[in-house]
Amino acid sequence: MKVGLISDTHGLLRAEVFRVFAGVDVILHAGDVGTLDVLVELETIAPVHAVLGNTDPHSLRERIQDEVRLEQEGFDIVVVHGHLLGSPNARTLRAAYPDADIIVYGHTHRQRIDRIADCVIVNPGAAGPARFDLKPSVALMQIEQGREPAVDFVSL
């Protein structure tokens, strides 16, 4: 199963995302979506599971929550923005979600992948407006039951 990982769009969905996410089975958005239009546009690619970030408007609460938990290909996946943990990192995320096999988060705008025990913890970076001298990015994750998830970061 091919999964598109995206975060921190802040209302900007770049055209490159459609090319990079072509053929994904599902999209996980780790918060700071910005507008409902971002989710509607992503849904033209694949089903979307999204969470609220610290800058998201209250109006998005009707559509998305603070956390998503789902099972795909035998993996227990948690999607959060991470802001509720302060400054999220692999250790604090793993402690907060000890039963997860995969944790997807955002907030820091920095691409990162960590492995703690059997858990893969990934931040796809920020896909929206460029900030902090970081290139906008997303990630593609390949998951298959019985195999370790593979993650590739893609600069936009």
Protein backbone atom coordinates (compact mmCIF):
# COMPACT_ATOMS: atom_id res chain seq x y z
CA MET A 1 0.00 0.00 0.00
CA LYS A 2 1.30 3.41 -0.97
CA VAL A 3 0.59 6.23 1.50
CA GLY A 4 1.03 9.96 0.93
CA LEU A 5 2.20 11.87 4.01
CA ILE A 6 1.69 15.63 4.20
CA SER A 7 1.64 18.26 6.91
CA ASP A 8 1.62 21.99 7.54
CA THR A 9 -0.02 23.07 4.28
CA HIS A 10 -1.33 26.23 5.97
CA GLY A 11 -3.89 26.66 3.18
CA LEU A 12 -1.42 26.17 0.31
CA LEU A 13 -1.61 22.99 -1.74
CA ARG A 14 1.18 23.07 -4.31
CA ALA A 15 0.58 21.61 -7.78
CA GLU A 16 3.58 19.29 -7.30
CA VAL A 17 1.66 17.39 -4.61
CA PHE A 18 -0.75 16.06 -7.24
CA ARG A 19 2.17 14.66 -9.25
CA VAL A 20 3.96 13.16 -6.24
CA PHE A 21 0.79 11.63 -4.76
CA ALA A 22 -0.49 10.20 -8.06
CA GLY A 23 -1.35 6.57 -7.40
CA VAL A 24 -1.33 6.67 -3.59
CA ASP A 25 -3.99 4.58 -1.85
CA VAL A 26 -4.52 6.97 1.05
CA ILE A 27 -3.28 10.37 2.26
CA LEU A 28 -2.45 11.19 5.89
CA HIS A 29 -2.39 14.92 6.70
CA ALA A 30 -0.67 15.70 10.02
CA GLY A 31 -2.33 19.04 10.69
CA ASP A 32 -2.16 22.78 10.10
CA VAL A 33 -4.35 22.11 7.07
CA GLY A 34 -5.42 25.75 6.81
CA THR A 35 -8.64 25.48 4.82
CA LEU A 36 -11.28 22.93 3.94
CA ASP A 37 -10.35 23.47 0.27
CA VAL A 38 -7.00 21.72 0.90
CA LEU A 39 -8.78 18.57 2.07
CA VAL A 40 -11.31 18.70 -0.78
CA GLU A 41 -8.50 18.96 -3.34
CA LEU A 42 -6.49 16.15 -1.72
CA GLU A 43 -9.59 13.94 -1.80
CA THR A 44 -9.50 14.12 -5.61
CA ILE A 45 -6.30 12.05 -5.35
CA ALA A 46 -7.20 9.50 -2.64
CA PRO A 47 -9.10 9.16 0.64
CA VAL A 48 -7.74 11.58 3.26
CA HIS A 49 -7.33 11.18 7.03
CA ALA A 50 -6.39 14.53 8.58
CA VAL A 51 -5.91 16.01 12.04
CA LEU A 52 -6.12 19.50 13.46
CA GLY A 53 -3.03 21.59 14.02
CA ASN A 54 -2.46 24.54 16.29
CA THR A 55 -3.21 27.10 13.54
CA ASP A 56 -6.30 25.43 12.08
CA PRO A 57 -9.57 27.37 12.27
CA HIS A 58 -12.32 26.18 14.57
CA SER A 59 -14.52 25.56 11.52
CA LEU A 60 -12.38 22.52 10.60
CA ARG A 61 -13.38 20.82 13.88
CA GLU A 62 -16.61 19.73 12.20
CA ARG A 63 -14.54 17.69 9.75
CA ILE A 64 -11.35 16.59 11.54
CA GLN A 65 -10.16 15.81 15.07
CA ASP A 66 -6.95 16.13 17.12
CA GLU A 67 -5.93 12.54 16.43
CA VAL A 68 -6.57 9.76 13.92
CA ARG A 69 -5.99 6.09 14.63
CA LEU A 70 -6.33 3.56 11.86
CA GLU A 71 -5.14 0.14 10.85
CA GLN A 72 -3.60 -0.41 7.43
CA GLU A 73 -1.85 -3.57 6.23
CA GLY A 74 -1.62 -4.84 9.81
CA PHE A 75 -0.02 -1.64 11.17
CA ASP A 76 -1.59 0.47 13.91
CA ILE A 77 -1.10 4.04 12.70
CA VAL A 78 -1.53 7.23 14.71
CA VAL A 79 -1.66 10.65 13.04
CA VAL A 80 -1.27 13.77 15.20
CA HIS A 81 0.02 17.27 14.68
CA GLY A 82 2.17 17.05 17.80
CA HIS A 83 1.57 20.51 19.24
CA LEU A 84 -0.33 19.09 22.21
CA LEU A 85 2.98 17.56 23.33
CA GLY A 86 4.79 20.92 23.18
CA SER A 87 7.74 20.41 20.88
CA PRO A 88 7.18 16.86 19.57
CA ASN A 89 10.04 14.44 19.16
CA ALA A 90 10.33 10.70 18.71
CA ARG A 91 10.70 9.99 22.43
CA THR A 92 7.65 12.01 23.53
CA LEU A 93 5.51 10.70 20.67
CA ARG A 94 6.42 7.09 21.42
CA ALA A 95 5.63 7.61 25.11
CA ALA A 96 2.24 9.14 24.22
CA TYR A 97 1.34 6.36 21.77
CA PRO A 98 3.10 3.21 23.03
CA ASP A 99 0.90 0.81 21.05
CA ALA A 100 1.40 2.46 17.66
CA ASP A 101 3.44 0.81 14.93
CA ILE A 102 3.63 4.03 12.89
CA ILE A 103 3.27 7.62 14.13
CA VAL A 104 2.90 10.46 11.62
CA TYR A 105 3.23 14.02 12.95
CA GLY A 106 3.90 17.57 11.85
CA HIS A 107 4.30 20.92 13.65
CA THR A 108 8.10 21.22 13.45
CA HIS A 109 8.15 21.69 9.64
CA ARG A 110 11.23 19.43 9.57
CA GLN A 111 11.52 16.13 7.69
CA ARG A 112 12.42 13.41 10.10
CA ILE A 113 12.21 9.66 10.49
CA ASP A 114 13.01 7.82 13.69
CA ARG A 115 12.68 4.23 14.78
CA ILE A 116 12.13 3.33 18.40
CA ALA A 117 11.81 -0.40 18.97
CA ASP A 118 9.31 -1.55 16.32
CA CYS A 119 7.75 1.90 15.80
CA VAL A 120 8.40 4.17 12.82
CA ILE A 121 7.91 7.85 13.66
CA VAL A 122 7.83 10.18 10.67
CA ASN A 123 7.38 13.87 9.99
CA PRO A 124 6.99 14.61 6.26
CA GLY A 125 8.08 18.23 6.71
CA ALA A 126 5.92 21.20 5.72
CA ALA A 127 4.22 21.30 2.32
CA GLY A 128 2.85 24.84 2.58
CA PRO A 129 4.58 28.22 2.53
CA ALA A 130 8.36 27.94 2.96
CA ARG A 131 9.51 28.90 6.45
CA PHE A 132 12.62 28.59 8.57
CA ASP A 133 14.87 28.27 5.48
CA LEU A 134 13.42 24.79 4.87
CA LYS A 135 12.32 23.44 1.49
CA PRO A 136 8.66 22.42 1.32
CA SER A 137 8.26 18.65 1.29
CA VAL A 138 5.99 15.62 1.57
CA ALA A 139 6.72 11.92 1.99
CA LEU A 140 5.69 8.64 0.44
CA MET A 141 5.42 5.59 2.66
CA GLN A 142 5.17 2.04 1.39
CA ILE A 143 3.60 -0.38 3.84
CA GLU A 144 3.12 -4.08 3.41
CA GLN A 145 2.09 -6.51 6.09
CA GLY A 146 5.10 -8.28 7.58
CA ARG A 147 7.64 -5.80 6.17
CA GLU A 148 9.19 -2.69 7.67
CA PRO A 149 7.61 0.52 6.33
CA ALA A 150 9.75 2.37 3.78
CA VAL A 151 9.64 6.19 3.71
CA ASP A 152 10.94 8.52 0.99
CA PHE A 153 10.93 12.30 1.38
CA VAL A 154 10.16 14.42 -1.67
CA SER A 155 11.07 18.11 -1.89
CA LEU A 156 8.50 20.28 -3.63
